[in-house]
Amino acid sequence: MLTLFYHPLCPFSRYVRLILGEYGIEARLVEERFWERREEFLLLNPAGQIPVLVADGQPAVPGAAIIAEYIEETRHAEPRENRLLPASTGQRVEVRRLASWFNDKFHAEVSGPLVTERIFKRHMTLEQGGGPPDSEAMRAARHNIRYHLAYIGWLVSARDWLAGERLSLADLAAAAHLSAADYLGDVPWNDDEAAKNWYVRVKSRPSFRPLLADALAGLPPAKSYADLDF
């Protein structure tokens, strides 16, 4: 049995949950308040970061990108044409490039600041980095998201999915980070119709349903968050 240490609004945790959902892999979810730096959790991942995937009798697998590769490497029975990482080297490079774009660049510029300022800091002590939200950081994130949406729209104007003709890890990474911002109502969907239509397709997949059911105490999702026709 797999166990995933996660937070419901952590974009990296959402990425892993989508991958598990696409492959039909069940995992026990354990919400981890990573900022508390529990000793038991640090033994699993000394970096103190989520997500962490644990399989019985196996070393813990830390970090979304490593977990994604681990799942790909262990899905031996899955037909190659149904995999989230394609067969050809060139296609795999493009999928990894775009997954990195969203897991690194988008997170640094958009989803990381929004989630940290509006969610995580609410639960942290001053010593843990908590306190009032940084309005300038949130303003910058809301500005940055616009060119990321334009990039998504540009990609899908020439492709069926972000990295090519099939759904891939790139789509799941992008959707995971966008979904966290969407929960907070911070995605200007009217800016790019192509990006919005692509997100509707991902959002409508069965793997997305558990994410749409997430609701944090004291901070409900935006009204259109779970709406498939928004």
C-alpha atoms as a PDB file:
ATOM      1  CA  MET A   1       0.000   0.000   0.000  1.00  0.00           C
ATOM      2  CA  LEU A   2       1.283   3.458  -0.909  1.00  0.00           C
ATOM      3  CA  THR A   3       1.115   6.411   1.468  1.00  0.00           C
ATOM      4  CA  LEU A   4       1.361  10.002   0.240  1.00  0.00           C
ATOM      5  CA  PHE A   5       2.328  12.729   2.674  1.00  0.00           C
ATOM      6  CA  TYR A   6       0.787  15.846   1.200  1.00  0.00           C
ATOM      7  CA  HIS A   7      -1.192  19.051   1.678  1.00  0.00           C
ATOM      8  CA  PRO A   8      -4.479  19.517  -0.215  1.00  0.00           C
ATOM      9  CA  LEU A   9      -3.453  22.864  -1.750  1.00  0.00           C
ATOM     10  CA  CYS A  10       0.226  22.086  -2.293  1.00  0.00           C
ATOM     11  CA  PRO A  11       0.632  22.228  -6.112  1.00  0.00           C
ATOM     12  CA  PHE A  12       3.324  19.525  -6.056  1.00  0.00           C
ATOM     13  CA  SER A  13       1.059  17.234  -4.031  1.00  0.00           C
ATOM     14  CA  ARG A  14      -1.715  17.862  -6.537  1.00  0.00           C
ATOM     15  CA  TYR A  15       0.611  16.908  -9.393  1.00  0.00           C
ATOM     16  CA  VAL A  16       1.350  13.564  -7.764  1.00  0.00           C
ATOM     17  CA  ARG A  17      -2.321  12.950  -6.971  1.00  0.00           C
ATOM     18  CA  LEU A  18      -3.193  13.520 -10.632  1.00  0.00           C
ATOM     19  CA  ILE A  19      -0.520  11.076 -11.771  1.00  0.00           C
ATOM     20  CA  LEU A  20      -1.772   8.440  -9.334  1.00  0.00           C
ATOM     21  CA  GLY A  21      -5.317   9.066 -10.501  1.00  0.00           C
ATOM     22  CA  GLU A  22      -4.443   8.739 -14.192  1.00  0.00           C
ATOM     23  CA  TYR A  23      -2.795   5.377 -13.542  1.00  0.00           C
ATOM     24  CA  GLY A  24      -5.531   4.185 -11.190  1.00  0.00           C
ATOM     25  CA  ILE A  25      -3.078   3.801  -8.297  1.00  0.00           C
ATOM     26  CA  GLU A  26      -4.598   3.960  -4.825  1.00  0.00           C
ATOM     27  CA  ALA A  27      -2.689   5.673  -2.029  1.00  0.00           C
ATOM     28  CA  ARG A  28      -3.456   6.529   1.562  1.00  0.00           C
ATOM     29  CA  LEU A  29      -3.325  10.313   1.980  1.00  0.00           C
ATOM     30  CA  VAL A  30      -1.740  11.772   5.106  1.00  0.00           C
ATOM     31  CA  GLU A  31      -1.955  15.534   5.436  1.00  0.00           C
ATOM     32  CA  GLU A  32       1.416  16.869   6.576  1.00  0.00           C
ATOM     33  CA  ARG A  33       1.881  20.290   8.171  1.00  0.00           C
ATOM     34  CA  PHE A  34       5.421  20.401   6.839  1.00  0.00           C
ATOM     35  CA  TRP A  35       6.233  23.746   8.448  1.00  0.00           C
ATOM     36  CA  GLU A  36       6.095  22.059  11.867  1.00  0.00           C
ATOM     37  CA  ARG A  37       9.061  19.899  10.858  1.00  0.00           C
ATOM     38  CA  ARG A  38       7.949  16.777  12.710  1.00  0.00           C
ATOM     39  CA  GLU A  39      10.825  14.480  13.570  1.00  0.00           C
ATOM     40  CA  GLU A  40       9.046  11.460  12.083  1.00  0.00           C
ATOM     41  CA  PHE A  41       8.500  13.299   8.811  1.00  0.00           C
ATOM     42  CA  LEU A  42      12.088  14.570   8.659  1.00  0.00           C
ATOM     43  CA  LEU A  43      13.241  10.975   8.884  1.00  0.00           C
ATOM     44  CA  LEU A  44      11.352  10.363   5.638  1.00  0.00           C
ATOM     45  CA  ASN A  45      12.607  13.531   3.960  1.00  0.00           C
ATOM     46  CA  PRO A  46      15.336  15.530   5.712  1.00  0.00           C
ATOM     47  CA  ALA A  47      14.530  18.468   3.424  1.00  0.00           C
ATOM     48  CA  GLY A  48      11.198  18.751   5.230  1.00  0.00           C
ATOM     49  CA  GLN A  49       9.246  19.237   2.008  1.00  0.00           C
ATOM     50  CA  ILE A  50       6.134  17.618   0.579  1.00  0.00           C
ATOM     51  CA  PRO A  51       5.050  15.477  -1.157  1.00  0.00           C
ATOM     52  CA  VAL A  52       6.659  12.239  -0.033  1.00  0.00           C
ATOM     53  CA  LEU A  53       5.531   8.832  -1.296  1.00  0.00           C
ATOM     54  CA  VAL A  54       6.117   5.761   0.844  1.00  0.00           C
ATOM     55  CA  ALA A  55       5.685   2.164  -0.270  1.00  0.00           C
ATOM     56  CA  ASP A  56       5.755  -0.639   2.296  1.00  0.00           C
ATOM     57  CA  GLY A  57       9.282  -1.921   2.725  1.00  0.00           C
ATOM     58  CA  GLN A  58      10.798   0.635   0.339  1.00  0.00           C
ATOM     59  CA  PRO A  59      12.773   3.857   0.923  1.00  0.00           C
ATOM     60  CA  ALA A  60      10.672   7.017   0.943  1.00  0.00           C
ATOM     61  CA  VAL A  61      10.439   8.810  -2.410  1.00  0.00           C
ATOM     62  CA  PRO A  62      10.677  12.598  -1.844  1.00  0.00           C
ATOM     63  CA  GLY A  63       9.643  15.376  -4.192  1.00  0.00           C
ATOM     64  CA  ALA A  64       7.095  15.569  -7.005  1.00  0.00           C
ATOM     65  CA  ALA A  65       9.542  15.214  -9.906  1.00  0.00           C
ATOM     66  CA  ILE A  66      11.242  12.188  -8.342  1.00  0.00           C
ATOM     67  CA  ILE A  67       7.886  10.614  -7.512  1.00  0.00           C
ATOM     68  CA  ALA A  68       6.737  11.116 -11.115  1.00  0.00           C
ATOM     69  CA  GLU A  69       9.838   9.346 -12.432  1.00  0.00           C
ATOM     70  CA  TYR A  70       9.478   6.600  -9.813  1.00  0.00           C
ATOM     71  CA  ILE A  71       5.897   5.907 -10.891  1.00  0.00           C
ATOM     72  CA  GLU A  72       6.931   5.844 -14.555  1.00  0.00           C
ATOM     73  CA  GLU A  73       9.769   3.415 -13.821  1.00  0.00           C
ATOM     74  CA  THR A  74       7.544   1.057 -11.857  1.00  0.00           C
ATOM     75  CA  ARG A  75       4.599   0.968 -14.298  1.00  0.00           C
ATOM     76  CA  HIS A  76       6.070  -1.924 -16.274  1.00  0.00           C
ATOM     77  CA  ALA A  77       2.685  -3.451 -17.107  1.00  0.00           C
ATOM     78  CA  GLU A  78       1.292  -0.218 -18.544  1.00  0.00           C
ATOM     79  CA  PRO A  79       1.299  -0.141 -22.378  1.00  0.00           C
ATOM     80  CA  ARG A  80       3.734   2.486 -23.622  1.00  0.00           C
ATOM     81  CA  GLU A  81       1.023   4.240 -25.621  1.00  0.00           C
ATOM     82  CA  ASN A  82      -0.931   4.825 -22.399  1.00  0.00           C
ATOM     83  CA  ARG A  83       1.975   6.233 -20.428  1.00  0.00           C
ATOM     84  CA  LEU A  84       2.306   9.831 -19.300  1.00  0.00           C
ATOM     85  CA  LEU A  85       5.923   9.916 -20.462  1.00  0.00           C
ATOM     86  CA  PRO A  86       6.096   9.106 -24.195  1.00  0.00           C
ATOM     87  CA  ALA A  87       8.376   6.649 -25.905  1.00  0.00           C
ATOM     88  CA  SER A  88      10.587   8.781 -28.125  1.00  0.00           C
ATOM     89  CA  THR A  89      13.528  10.711 -26.720  1.00  0.00           C
ATOM     90  CA  GLY A  90      12.485  14.008 -28.293  1.00  0.00           C
ATOM     91  CA  GLN A  91       8.954  13.757 -26.931  1.00  0.00           C
ATOM     92  CA  ARG A  92      10.241  12.868 -23.483  1.00  0.00           C
ATOM     93  CA  VAL A  93      12.507  15.920 -23.488  1.00  0.00           C
ATOM     94  CA  GLU A  94       9.569  18.177 -24.370  1.00  0.00           C
ATOM     95  CA  VAL A  95       7.361  16.651 -21.664  1.00  0.00           C
ATOM     96  CA  ARG A  96      10.097  17.041 -19.064  1.00  0.00           C
ATOM     97  CA  ARG A  97      10.851  20.589 -20.219  1.00  0.00           C
ATOM     98  CA  LEU A  98       7.253  21.693 -19.785  1.00  0.00           C
ATOM     99  CA  ALA A  99       6.759  19.802 -16.529  1.00  0.00           C
ATOM    100  CA  SER A 100       9.841  21.641 -15.233  1.00  0.00           C
ATOM    101  CA  TRP A 101       8.436  24.948 -16.538  1.00  0.00           C
ATOM    102  CA  PHE A 102       5.401  24.593 -14.296  1.00  0.00           C
ATOM    103  CA  ASN A 103       7.013  22.826 -11.344  1.00  0.00           C
ATOM    104  CA  ASP A 104       9.870  25.332 -11.229  1.00  0.00           C
ATOM    105  CA  LYS A 105       9.106  28.584 -13.046  1.00  0.00           C
ATOM    106  CA  PHE A 106       5.323  28.761 -12.595  1.00  0.00           C
ATOM    107  CA  HIS A 107       5.663  27.725  -8.973  1.00  0.00           C
ATOM    108  CA  ALA A 108       8.298  30.360  -8.278  1.00  0.00           C
ATOM    109  CA  GLU A 109       6.353  33.103 -10.020  1.00  0.00           C
ATOM    110  CA  VAL A 110       2.720  32.232  -9.350  1.00  0.00           C
ATOM    111  CA  SER A 111       1.441  29.227  -7.415  1.00  0.00           C
ATOM    112  CA  GLY A 112       4.152  29.216  -4.745  1.00  0.00           C
ATOM    113  CA  PRO A 113       3.641  32.830  -3.634  1.00  0.00           C
ATOM    114  CA  LEU A 114      -0.167  32.594  -3.809  1.00  0.00           C
ATOM    115  CA  VAL A 115      -0.437  29.381  -1.792  1.00  0.00           C
ATOM    116  CA  THR A 116       2.234  30.397   0.707  1.00  0.00           C
ATOM    117  CA  GLU A 117       0.833  33.863   1.356  1.00  0.00           C
ATOM    118  CA  ARG A 118      -2.847  32.956   1.380  1.00  0.00           C
ATOM    119  CA  ILE A 119      -2.801  29.470   2.922  1.00  0.00           C
ATOM    120  CA  PHE A 120       0.397  28.262   4.547  1.00  0.00           C
ATOM    121  CA  LYS A 121       1.283  31.479   6.394  1.00  0.00           C
ATOM    122  CA  ARG A 122      -2.132  31.456   8.074  1.00  0.00           C
ATOM    123  CA  HIS A 123      -1.081  28.375  10.043  1.00  0.00           C
ATOM    124  CA  MET A 124       2.566  29.197  10.678  1.00  0.00           C
ATOM    125  CA  THR A 125       4.020  30.904  13.696  1.00  0.00           C
ATOM    126  CA  LEU A 126       6.291  33.901  13.180  1.00  0.00           C
ATOM    127  CA  GLU A 127       9.253  31.604  13.839  1.00  0.00           C
ATOM    128  CA  GLN A 128       8.045  29.274  11.092  1.00  0.00           C
ATOM    129  CA  GLY A 129       7.703  32.129   8.601  1.00  0.00           C
ATOM    130  CA  GLY A 130       4.057  32.980   9.218  1.00  0.00           C
ATOM    131  CA  GLY A 131       2.408  36.348   9.526  1.00  0.00           C
ATOM    132  CA  PRO A 132       0.260  38.637   7.403  1.00  0.00           C
ATOM    133  CA  PRO A 133       0.171  37.946   3.650  1.00  0.00           C
ATOM    134  CA  ASP A 134       2.653  39.889   1.552  1.00  0.00           C
ATOM    135  CA  SER A 135       0.381  41.904  -0.734  1.00  0.00           C
ATOM    136  CA  GLU A 136       3.242  42.772  -3.103  1.00  0.00           C
ATOM    137  CA  ALA A 137       4.121  39.100  -3.598  1.00  0.00           C
ATOM    138  CA  MET A 138       0.486  38.283  -4.372  1.00  0.00           C
ATOM    139  CA  ARG A 139       0.184  41.227  -6.755  1.00  0.00           C
ATOM    140  CA  ALA A 140       3.263  40.066  -8.647  1.00  0.00           C
ATOM    141  CA  ALA A 141       1.931  36.497  -8.847  1.00  0.00           C
ATOM    142  CA  ARG A 142      -1.406  37.685 -10.248  1.00  0.00           C
ATOM    143  CA  HIS A 143       0.461  39.693 -12.846  1.00  0.00           C
ATOM    144  CA  ASN A 144       2.789  36.812 -13.782  1.00  0.00           C
ATOM    145  CA  ILE A 145      -0.005  34.315 -14.295  1.00  0.00           C
ATOM    146  CA  ARG A 146      -1.200  36.164 -17.382  1.00  0.00           C
ATOM    147  CA  TYR A 147       1.827  35.399 -19.526  1.00  0.00           C
ATOM    148  CA  HIS A 148       1.802  31.769 -18.378  1.00  0.00           C
ATOM    149  CA  LEU A 149      -1.808  31.486 -19.555  1.00  0.00           C
ATOM    150  CA  ALA A 150      -0.813  33.035 -22.870  1.00  0.00           C
ATOM    151  CA  TYR A 151       1.973  30.455 -23.209  1.00  0.00           C
ATOM    152  CA  ILE A 152      -0.451  27.607 -22.539  1.00  0.00           C
ATOM    153  CA  GLY A 153      -2.844  29.060 -25.103  1.00  0.00           C
ATOM    154  CA  TRP A 154      -0.046  29.306 -27.654  1.00  0.00           C
ATOM    155  CA  LEU A 155       1.023  25.698 -27.058  1.00  0.00           C
ATOM    156  CA  VAL A 156      -2.439  24.195 -27.428  1.00  0.00           C
ATOM    157  CA  SER A 157      -3.208  26.275 -30.512  1.00  0.00           C
ATOM    158  CA  ALA A 158      -0.795  24.011 -32.415  1.00  0.00           C
ATOM    159  CA  ARG A 159      -1.061  20.770 -30.401  1.00  0.00           C
ATOM    160  CA  ASP A 160      -3.799  18.624 -28.926  1.00  0.00           C
ATOM    161  CA  TRP A 161      -2.110  18.770 -25.511  1.00  0.00           C
ATOM    162  CA  LEU A 162       0.727  20.848 -24.096  1.00  0.00           C
ATOM    163  CA  ALA A 163       3.604  18.618 -25.194  1.00  0.00           C
ATOM    164  CA  GLY A 164       2.068  16.897 -28.192  1.00  0.00           C
ATOM    165  CA  GLU A 165      -0.809  14.709 -29.289  1.00  0.00           C
ATOM    166  CA  ARG A 166      -1.393  12.926 -25.983  1.00  0.00           C
ATOM    167  CA  LEU A 167      -1.986  13.886 -22.382  1.00  0.00           C
ATOM    168  CA  SER A 168       1.323  13.817 -20.522  1.00  0.00           C
ATOM    169  CA  LEU A 169       3.064  14.767 -17.299  1.00  0.00           C
ATOM    170  CA  ALA A 170       3.335  18.282 -18.732  1.00  0.00           C
ATOM    171  CA  ASP A 171      -0.447  18.729 -18.712  1.00  0.00           C
ATOM    172  CA  LEU A 172      -0.758  17.354 -15.199  1.00  0.00           C
ATOM    173  CA  ALA A 173       1.983  19.634 -13.862  1.00  0.00           C
ATOM    174  CA  ALA A 174       0.392  22.708 -15.440  1.00  0.00           C
ATOM    175  CA  ALA A 175      -3.107  21.768 -14.285  1.00  0.00           C
ATOM    176  CA  ALA A 176      -1.938  21.001 -10.748  1.00  0.00           C
ATOM    177  CA  HIS A 177      -0.372  24.421 -10.272  1.00  0.00           C
ATOM    178  CA  LEU A 178      -3.223  26.242 -11.983  1.00  0.00           C
ATOM    179  CA  SER A 179      -5.772  24.372  -9.873  1.00  0.00           C
ATOM    180  CA  ALA A 180      -4.240  25.712  -6.672  1.00  0.00           C
ATOM    181  CA  ALA A 181      -4.507  29.270  -7.989  1.00  0.00           C
ATOM    182  CA  ASP A 182      -8.004  28.503  -9.296  1.00  0.00           C
ATOM    183  CA  TYR A 183      -9.094  27.333  -5.836  1.00  0.00           C
ATOM    184  CA  LEU A 184      -8.168  30.811  -4.614  1.00  0.00           C
ATOM    185  CA  GLY A 185      -9.981  32.505  -7.506  1.00  0.00           C
ATOM    186  CA  ASP A 186      -6.770  33.986  -8.882  1.00  0.00           C
ATOM    187  CA  VAL A 187      -6.850  32.743 -12.486  1.00  0.00           C
ATOM    188  CA  PRO A 188      -8.094  35.289 -15.086  1.00  0.00           C
ATOM    189  CA  TRP A 189      -9.602  32.658 -17.368  1.00  0.00           C
ATOM    190  CA  ASN A 190     -11.160  35.219 -19.686  1.00  0.00           C
ATOM    191  CA  ASP A 191      -7.668  36.305 -20.749  1.00  0.00           C
ATOM    192  CA  ASP A 192      -7.094  33.291 -22.998  1.00  0.00           C
ATOM    193  CA  GLU A 193      -9.888  31.131 -24.386  1.00  0.00           C
ATOM    194  CA  ALA A 194      -7.541  28.414 -25.673  1.00  0.00           C
ATOM    195  CA  ALA A 195      -5.927  27.996 -22.254  1.00  0.00           C
ATOM    196  CA  LYS A 196      -9.335  27.887 -20.605  1.00  0.00           C
ATOM    197  CA  ASN A 197     -10.615  25.219 -23.015  1.00  0.00           C
ATOM    198  CA  TRP A 198      -7.513  23.103 -22.402  1.00  0.00           C
ATOM    199  CA  TYR A 199      -8.020  23.378 -18.626  1.00  0.00           C
ATOM    200  CA  VAL A 200     -11.678  22.358 -18.983  1.00  0.00           C
ATOM    201  CA  ARG A 201     -10.543  19.152 -20.708  1.00  0.00           C
ATOM    202  CA  VAL A 202      -8.067  18.303 -17.947  1.00  0.00           C
ATOM    203  CA  LYS A 203     -10.477  19.361 -15.215  1.00  0.00           C
ATOM    204  CA  SER A 204     -13.131  17.020 -16.636  1.00  0.00           C
ATOM    205  CA  ARG A 205     -10.961  13.909 -16.312  1.00  0.00           C
ATOM    206  CA  PRO A 206     -11.796  11.399 -13.538  1.00  0.00           C
ATOM    207  CA  SER A 207      -8.336  11.897 -11.996  1.00  0.00           C
ATOM    208  CA  PHE A 208      -9.278  15.513 -11.239  1.00  0.00           C
ATOM    209  CA  ARG A 209     -12.420  14.736  -9.206  1.00  0.00           C
ATOM    210  CA  PRO A 210     -10.647  14.270  -5.837  1.00  0.00           C
ATOM    211  CA  LEU A 211      -8.967  17.670  -6.266  1.00  0.00           C
ATOM    212  CA  LEU A 212     -12.292  19.347  -6.995  1.00  0.00           C
ATOM    213  CA  ALA A 213     -13.653  17.888  -3.749  1.00  0.00           C
ATOM    214  CA  ASP A 214     -10.952  19.580  -1.652  1.00  0.00           C
ATOM    215  CA  ALA A 215     -12.188  22.257   0.745  1.00  0.00           C
ATOM    216  CA  LEU A 216     -10.079  23.874   3.447  1.00  0.00           C
ATOM    217  CA  ALA A 217     -11.677  24.825   6.754  1.00  0.00           C
ATOM    218  CA  GLY A 218     -12.111  28.574   6.903  1.00  0.00           C
ATOM    219  CA  LEU A 219     -11.134  29.045   3.255  1.00  0.00           C
ATOM    220  CA  PRO A 220     -13.679  27.558   0.840  1.00  0.00           C
ATOM    221  CA  PRO A 221     -12.845  27.370  -2.870  1.00  0.00           C
ATOM    222  CA  ALA A 222     -13.814  30.027  -5.379  1.00  0.00           C
ATOM    223  CA  LYS A 223     -17.384  29.639  -6.670  1.00  0.00           C
ATOM    224  CA  SER A 224     -16.373  28.333 -10.092  1.00  0.00           C
ATOM    225  CA  TYR A 225     -13.601  26.049  -8.817  1.00  0.00           C
ATOM    226  CA  ALA A 226     -15.563  22.777  -9.069  1.00  0.00           C
ATOM    227  CA  ASP A 227     -17.713  23.928 -11.998  1.00  0.00           C
ATOM    228  CA  LEU A 228     -16.838  22.069 -15.207  1.00  0.00           C
ATOM    229  CA  ASP A 229     -18.668  24.711 -17.267  1.00  0.00           C
ATOM    230  CA  PHE A 230     -17.167  27.880 -15.864  1.00  0.00           C
END
